[in-house]
Every structure is written in structure tokens, then in C-alpha cells.
Amino acid sequence: MTSQTSHNGAVLSLGRIYCDLVFTGVPGMPRLGREIFAENMTVALGGGAYITAAHSAALGRPTALLARYGTDALSRAMEPELALHGIDLRFLDRHPQAGPQVTVAIVGGEERAFLSRRAGSAAPATLDAALAWSQSRHLHIAEYATLVEIPDLVDRAKGRGLTVSLDPSWDETLIREPHYLDRCAGIDVFLPNMEEARVLTGKESPSEALQALASRFPIVVLKLGAEGGMLSMDGQVVSLAARKVPVVDTTGAGDALNAGFINAWLGGAEPEACLAAGIDAGAAAVQAAGGASVLTGSGQSG
């Protein structure tokens, strides 16, 4: 299914929610046995599902966050941030085994390093209710690991008439899995970055990687960071550069791009306009520390 999808339908954004500790202004990456100091630190909610949901809702798209959320002290302390962006929280599954989930992000120049902890299962008890929700039109899966945990997820969504998108979200333990792309069968919109696409296809150039993935998925959005992005959609290949903006933190930029693209696509926009909307959302996100911080004016460098 392409851009004929309902203009007014809601997006379900599925995945884990993290507390992001984002360190910026560091002289380099840490080494074992040595200590370095950061100029700034931002504490913000993160995880692809949350960041995509926040940007999607900010664009005016009805968006529900479909996730498990911890009841521990850290999760409770961060919970007010969930309500800042107009995200529909009716399908949030609060569970004591769902937290704390934490990501430490270290941003040094163009380098980034992450250390994360996952807690419990990624499958919310509200999944069936969300898929059956009368307003649901599209399911966004924020990481391949969630698809591995819920192997029939795409079939269940398609059975309810939903379109489905997937951000691979690099996972060192899964990215080289032999049947990775086979597990993604039925995905309508595949949204990898170039590093992921290179490993999944064995192709070094963006155009070759895009072509290889387009043979499997109706729509492929290839995220190229500061260089912009490429798109294969409706028989067209589109390439657009990113506009130059002050960069504070690139964490979550790809998730913001997902939101911009999906919103435009669901709205019936032409391929080039869909890609441009995604790139614009990603460019906005990098101007603050934390993937959704720019939406509230927090996380700015200073």
C-alpha cells in the first residue's frame, strides 16, 4: 500500500521507552580505566518509539504510544514528560518489570557511543486493543528487536488493515542475523540508516543499498545523516540533501525523520515531499540534546 492510506488515521508507535542521559561537550570517547568530563548533560525520555511519537504528535498526527513503562522511581520521575507532546497514552502498559530502562549517550563531535539496559519484554499487554482501535491506521515498529520478540506482529497488524513501518535501530546482537530481512516480510516502509543498510545488503554505496532493499519493500527511506536521505517509492528514486543547522546532538534524529516521513506519506504527499518532511524533522531534532527536547525548547546547548 502506498500513499492512498487514510489521511486522518492514527499512528501507533511501538517500542521501548528509555531514560536518556545525554552527555555532550566531551573531549573524546571514554577509555577503560580513564575518566573524562562532559561540559553538559541532558536527562530526557528516549527510545525510538517515544521520539517518533512525540514528533508525530507535534506535527498534528493523532499518535498513540504503544509501550510498556516502568513503575520504578526513575520511570515515575520521568513520566510527566510523556504528557508534554500531546501523545495519546491510552495504550501505555505500566508494569514493574518494564523499568528502569536507561541509555547513556556520549556525543563527541561526530562520534556517538551508547550503553543501554533493556528491562523485561517489549510486548505490551495493550497490543491487541491498540491494533483493534478504530482510529488506528498505521503501526510503526521502532526497532527490529521488538519484531523478533513478537514474530507475528506484522501479520497481526495487517490482519487489522494497518500499514506497517520498521526502523531497524542498530542492534549488535541481531544486525547480522541470516534471516533478518525475511523476518521483515510484509513491512510497507523500511527506514534504515546507511550503516544498517550496508550490513543488511552487503552494498557499499547508498544507491546500490537502496536498490537492493527496494526489491524487498514497497517503500525504503535510506537515512544518510548530515548528507540527507534517499527514497524509493512508487517506482521513483528521490535523493535530497539536508539543510545545514547547528548540531547539538544527533541522538534520535532518525526517529524524528521517521515521524516526518510517515506523517507526510499518510497525508498523501508525493515522494519528494515525503522525504523532505522527514529530513526537516530530523534537522530540527539535532538542534537540542535528546531526541524530542527541541519540541519543548529544552536540551539546547549552553
Protein backbone atom coordinates (compact mmCIF):
# COMPACT_ATOMS: atom_id res chain seq x y z
CA MET A 1 0.00 0.00 0.00
CA THR A 2 1.35 3.43 -0.90
CA SER A 3 0.20 6.98 -0.35
CA GLN A 4 -3.50 6.12 -0.68
CA THR A 5 -3.54 5.43 3.07
CA SER A 6 -6.15 7.37 5.09
CA HIS A 7 -5.16 11.00 5.66
CA ASN A 8 -6.70 11.14 9.13
CA GLY A 9 -5.70 7.83 10.69
CA ALA A 10 -3.71 7.47 13.87
CA VAL A 11 -0.18 6.14 14.18
CA LEU A 12 0.67 3.52 16.79
CA SER A 13 4.34 3.86 17.78
CA LEU A 14 5.57 0.62 19.32
CA GLY A 15 8.79 0.05 21.24
CA ARG A 16 10.72 0.51 24.45
CA ILE A 17 10.92 3.79 26.36
CA TYR A 18 14.25 4.77 27.89
CA CYS A 19 15.55 7.43 30.21
CA ASP A 20 18.34 9.03 28.15
CA LEU A 21 21.35 10.51 29.89
CA VAL A 22 22.95 12.51 27.09
CA PHE A 23 26.49 13.81 27.68
CA THR A 24 27.68 16.49 25.25
CA GLY A 25 30.81 18.59 25.00
CA VAL A 26 33.23 15.75 25.68
CA PRO A 27 36.88 15.77 24.55
CA GLY A 28 36.63 12.23 23.16
CA MET A 29 35.23 8.79 23.84
CA PRO A 30 36.00 7.21 27.24
CA ARG A 31 38.67 4.56 27.55
CA LEU A 32 38.73 1.76 30.10
CA GLY A 33 40.38 2.86 33.30
CA ARG A 34 40.26 6.56 32.43
CA GLU A 35 37.82 9.31 33.31
CA ILE A 36 36.68 12.17 31.10
CA PHE A 37 34.32 15.05 31.85
CA ALA A 38 31.40 16.44 29.85
CA GLU A 39 30.51 20.11 29.61
CA ASN A 40 26.77 19.37 29.56
CA MET A 41 24.31 16.63 30.41
CA THR A 42 20.63 16.38 29.49
CA VAL A 43 18.18 13.93 31.07
CA ALA A 44 15.26 13.15 28.77
CA LEU A 45 12.91 10.41 27.76
CA GLY A 46 14.14 8.48 24.75
CA GLY A 47 13.80 5.37 22.67
CA GLY A 48 12.67 5.35 19.06
CA ALA A 49 9.01 4.71 19.83
CA TYR A 50 8.74 7.73 22.13
CA ILE A 51 10.78 10.10 19.95
CA THR A 52 8.85 9.19 16.79
CA ALA A 53 5.55 9.50 18.68
CA ALA A 54 6.48 12.93 20.07
CA HIS A 55 7.44 14.34 16.67
CA SER A 56 4.43 12.74 15.01
CA ALA A 57 2.03 14.27 17.54
CA ALA A 58 3.77 17.64 17.24
CA LEU A 59 3.04 17.54 13.50
CA GLY A 60 -0.66 17.17 14.31
CA ARG A 61 -0.94 13.46 13.53
CA PRO A 62 -3.06 11.51 16.06
CA THR A 63 -0.41 9.29 17.64
CA ALA A 64 -0.61 6.69 20.39
CA LEU A 65 2.43 5.37 22.21
CA LEU A 66 2.26 1.58 22.45
CA ALA A 67 4.75 0.52 25.09
CA ARG A 68 5.43 -0.93 28.50
CA TYR A 69 6.52 1.60 31.09
CA GLY A 70 8.20 1.00 34.44
CA THR A 71 6.83 1.81 37.88
CA ASP A 72 10.27 2.28 39.46
CA ALA A 73 11.41 5.61 40.91
CA LEU A 74 13.27 6.73 37.78
CA SER A 75 10.36 5.89 35.48
CA ARG A 76 7.91 7.71 37.77
CA ALA A 77 10.17 10.76 37.87
CA MET A 78 10.29 10.91 34.07
CA GLU A 79 6.61 10.15 33.47
CA PRO A 80 5.43 13.80 33.37
CA GLU A 81 7.48 14.26 30.20
CA LEU A 82 5.24 11.73 28.44
CA ALA A 83 2.37 14.21 28.60
CA LEU A 84 4.24 17.17 27.13
CA HIS A 85 3.72 16.48 23.43
CA GLY A 86 0.08 15.52 23.02
CA ILE A 87 0.80 11.82 22.61
CA ASP A 88 -2.20 9.56 23.26
CA LEU A 89 -1.22 7.40 26.26
CA ARG A 90 -4.28 5.13 26.42
CA PHE A 91 -2.20 2.08 25.44
CA LEU A 92 0.70 2.67 27.83
CA ASP A 93 1.18 -0.54 29.82
CA ARG A 94 2.60 0.31 33.24
CA HIS A 95 4.42 -2.70 34.68
CA PRO A 96 7.00 -3.15 37.46
CA GLN A 97 9.21 -5.29 35.22
CA ALA A 98 9.37 -2.65 32.46
CA GLY A 99 11.99 -0.45 34.10
CA PRO A 100 14.23 1.16 34.71
CA GLN A 101 15.37 1.27 31.08
CA VAL A 102 18.30 3.64 30.66
CA THR A 103 20.53 4.74 27.79
CA VAL A 104 23.76 6.64 28.38
CA ALA A 105 24.66 8.56 25.22
CA ILE A 106 28.05 10.20 24.82
CA VAL A 107 28.31 12.72 21.99
CA GLY A 108 31.77 13.87 20.98
CA GLY A 109 31.91 15.80 17.70
CA GLU A 110 30.61 13.44 15.02
CA GLU A 111 31.13 10.38 17.24
CA ARG A 112 28.45 8.82 19.43
CA ALA A 113 28.54 5.93 21.88
CA PHE A 114 25.64 4.30 23.68
CA LEU A 115 25.17 2.00 26.64
CA SER A 116 21.62 0.77 27.28
CA ARG A 117 19.71 -1.53 29.59
CA ARG A 118 16.55 -3.31 28.47
CA ALA A 119 14.04 -4.47 31.06
CA GLY A 120 11.54 -7.28 30.61
CA SER A 121 9.52 -7.91 27.48
CA ALA A 122 8.82 -5.36 24.76
CA ALA A 123 5.28 -6.66 24.21
CA PRO A 124 2.66 -4.50 25.96
CA ALA A 125 -0.49 -6.16 27.30
CA THR A 126 -2.41 -3.50 25.37
CA LEU A 127 -1.18 -4.64 21.94
CA ASP A 128 -4.37 -6.34 20.75
CA ALA A 129 -6.54 -3.45 21.95
CA ALA A 130 -4.33 -0.96 20.13
CA LEU A 131 -4.40 -2.88 16.86
CA ALA A 132 -8.20 -3.12 17.14
CA TRP A 133 -8.62 0.60 17.93
CA SER A 134 -10.97 2.12 15.36
CA GLN A 135 -8.64 5.09 14.75
CA SER A 136 -5.51 3.01 14.10
CA ARG A 137 -4.24 3.22 10.52
CA HIS A 138 -0.51 2.64 10.81
CA LEU A 139 1.86 0.72 13.10
CA HIS A 140 5.42 2.00 13.44
CA ILE A 141 7.83 -0.54 14.94
CA ALA A 142 10.73 1.39 16.42
CA GLU A 143 13.30 -1.43 16.47
CA TYR A 144 13.87 -4.79 14.86
CA ALA A 145 14.39 -6.36 18.29
CA THR A 146 10.69 -5.80 19.02
CA LEU A 147 9.76 -7.66 15.85
CA VAL A 148 11.98 -10.56 16.97
CA GLU A 149 10.17 -10.65 20.32
CA ILE A 150 6.74 -10.54 18.63
CA PRO A 151 7.29 -12.56 15.43
CA ASP A 152 3.65 -12.46 14.27
CA LEU A 153 3.40 -8.69 14.80
CA VAL A 154 3.26 -7.70 11.13
CA ASP A 155 0.64 -10.31 10.31
CA ARG A 156 -1.48 -9.19 13.25
CA ALA A 157 -1.31 -5.56 12.16
CA LYS A 158 -2.04 -6.38 8.53
CA GLY A 159 -4.96 -8.51 9.67
CA ARG A 160 -6.45 -5.33 11.15
CA GLY A 161 -5.90 -3.39 7.92
CA LEU A 162 -2.94 -1.35 9.18
CA THR A 163 0.13 -0.39 7.18
CA VAL A 164 3.43 -1.04 8.92
CA SER A 165 6.83 0.64 9.08
CA LEU A 166 10.07 -0.51 10.70
CA ASP A 167 13.21 1.28 11.81
CA PRO A 168 15.90 -1.41 12.19
CA SER A 169 17.58 0.52 15.04
CA TRP A 170 21.08 -0.97 15.14
CA ASP A 171 21.38 -3.94 17.46
CA GLU A 172 24.82 -5.52 17.57
CA THR A 173 23.41 -8.92 18.56
CA LEU A 174 20.86 -9.03 15.70
CA ILE A 175 22.05 -6.95 12.75
CA ARG A 176 23.93 -9.84 11.11
CA GLU A 177 21.20 -12.41 11.67
CA PRO A 178 20.94 -14.54 8.46
CA HIS A 179 17.16 -14.26 8.14
CA TYR A 180 16.89 -10.61 9.18
CA LEU A 181 15.17 -9.34 6.02
CA ASP A 182 12.98 -12.44 5.76
CA ARG A 183 11.59 -11.66 9.22
CA CYS A 184 10.60 -8.22 7.91
CA ALA A 185 8.30 -9.61 5.20
CA GLY A 186 5.13 -7.55 4.88
CA ILE A 187 6.70 -4.26 6.02
CA ASP A 188 5.43 -1.35 3.90
CA VAL A 189 8.02 1.27 4.87
CA PHE A 190 11.59 0.27 5.76
CA LEU A 191 13.67 3.05 7.37
CA PRO A 192 17.34 2.11 7.83
CA ASN A 193 20.38 4.31 8.15
CA MET A 194 23.33 3.69 5.85
CA GLU A 195 25.31 1.68 8.39
CA GLU A 196 22.41 -0.72 8.82
CA ALA A 197 21.74 -0.87 5.08
CA ARG A 198 25.38 -1.65 4.35
CA VAL A 199 25.38 -4.65 6.68
CA LEU A 200 21.96 -5.90 5.57
CA THR A 201 22.70 -5.71 1.84
CA GLY A 202 26.46 -6.01 1.58
CA LYS A 203 26.43 -2.91 -0.64
CA GLU A 204 28.80 -0.04 -0.02
CA SER A 205 27.09 2.74 -1.99
CA PRO A 206 23.77 4.26 -0.94
CA SER A 207 22.25 3.82 -4.38
CA GLU A 208 23.12 0.12 -4.52
CA ALA A 209 21.91 -0.48 -0.97
CA LEU A 210 18.65 1.34 -1.74
CA GLN A 211 18.12 -0.72 -4.87
CA ALA A 212 18.73 -3.98 -3.01
CA LEU A 213 16.26 -3.08 -0.26
CA ALA A 214 13.68 -1.79 -2.76
CA SER A 215 13.48 -5.31 -4.18
CA ARG A 216 12.02 -6.39 -0.82
CA PHE A 217 9.99 -3.41 0.44
CA PRO A 218 7.45 -1.15 -1.33
CA ILE A 219 8.97 1.95 0.27
CA VAL A 220 12.54 2.37 1.50
CA VAL A 221 13.82 5.51 3.22
CA LEU A 222 17.61 5.47 3.48
CA LYS A 223 18.85 7.89 6.14
CA LEU A 224 22.23 9.46 5.35
CA GLY A 225 22.70 11.71 8.36
CA ALA A 226 24.16 15.11 7.52
CA GLU A 227 24.02 14.22 3.82
CA GLY A 228 20.22 13.94 3.85
CA GLY A 229 18.42 10.86 2.57
CA MET A 230 17.27 8.74 -0.35
CA LEU A 231 13.87 7.27 -1.07
CA SER A 232 12.49 4.51 -3.26
CA MET A 233 8.70 4.85 -3.56
CA ASP A 234 6.04 4.40 -6.22
CA GLY A 235 8.68 3.49 -8.79
CA GLN A 236 10.62 6.69 -8.12
CA VAL A 237 14.04 7.23 -6.58
CA VAL A 238 14.49 10.57 -4.83
CA SER A 239 17.61 11.99 -3.21
CA LEU A 240 17.62 15.13 -1.08
CA ALA A 241 20.35 16.94 0.84
CA ALA A 242 19.91 18.01 4.44
CA ARG A 243 19.90 21.70 5.26
CA LYS A 244 22.76 22.96 7.40
CA VAL A 245 21.74 23.57 11.01
CA PRO A 246 23.62 23.93 14.31
CA VAL A 247 24.09 20.40 15.66
CA VAL A 248 23.93 19.76 19.40
CA ASP A 249 23.09 16.04 19.47
CA THR A 250 22.15 13.67 16.67
CA THR A 251 20.56 11.14 19.03
CA GLY A 252 17.02 10.45 17.85
CA ALA A 253 17.33 12.38 14.58
CA GLY A 254 16.46 9.27 12.59
CA ASP A 255 13.39 8.68 14.76
CA ALA A 256 12.25 12.24 14.14
CA LEU A 257 12.78 11.73 10.41
CA ASN A 258 10.56 8.64 10.64
CA ALA A 259 7.76 10.77 12.07
CA GLY A 260 8.03 13.46 9.43
CA PHE A 261 8.07 10.97 6.58
CA ILE A 262 5.22 8.80 7.88
CA ASN A 263 3.02 11.81 8.57
CA ALA A 264 3.51 13.19 5.05
CA TRP A 265 3.02 9.74 3.49
CA LEU A 266 -0.20 9.11 5.38
CA GLY A 267 -1.30 12.56 4.27
CA GLY A 268 -0.95 11.56 0.61
CA ALA A 269 2.09 13.69 -0.22
CA GLU A 270 4.25 12.99 -3.26
CA PRO A 271 7.53 11.07 -2.75
CA GLU A 272 9.83 14.10 -2.77
CA ALA A 273 7.59 15.97 -0.32
CA CYS A 274 7.52 12.93 1.99
CA LEU A 275 11.31 12.71 2.06
CA ALA A 276 11.66 16.46 2.55
CA ALA A 277 9.26 16.36 5.50
CA GLY A 278 11.30 13.60 7.09
CA ILE A 279 14.62 15.37 6.60
CA ASP A 280 13.20 18.61 8.01
CA ALA A 281 12.02 16.80 11.16
CA GLY A 282 15.43 15.18 11.58
CA ALA A 283 17.19 18.53 11.12
CA ALA A 284 15.03 20.06 13.84
CA ALA A 285 15.80 17.23 16.28
CA VAL A 286 19.60 17.62 16.14
CA GLN A 287 19.41 21.17 17.47
CA ALA A 288 18.84 20.01 21.07
CA ALA A 289 20.20 17.27 23.31
CA GLY A 290 17.65 14.45 23.45
CA GLY A 291 15.56 13.32 20.50
CA ALA A 292 12.35 15.16 21.47
CA SER A 293 13.79 18.02 23.53
CA VAL A 294 13.61 20.51 20.67
CA LEU A 295 9.81 20.23 20.81
CA THR A 296 9.75 21.85 24.25
CA GLY A 297 12.77 24.11 23.90
CA SER A 298 14.80 22.09 26.41
CA GLY A 299 18.15 20.44 25.80
CA GLN A 300 19.67 23.38 23.91
CA SER A 301 23.40 23.87 24.03
CA GLY A 302 24.58 26.47 26.51
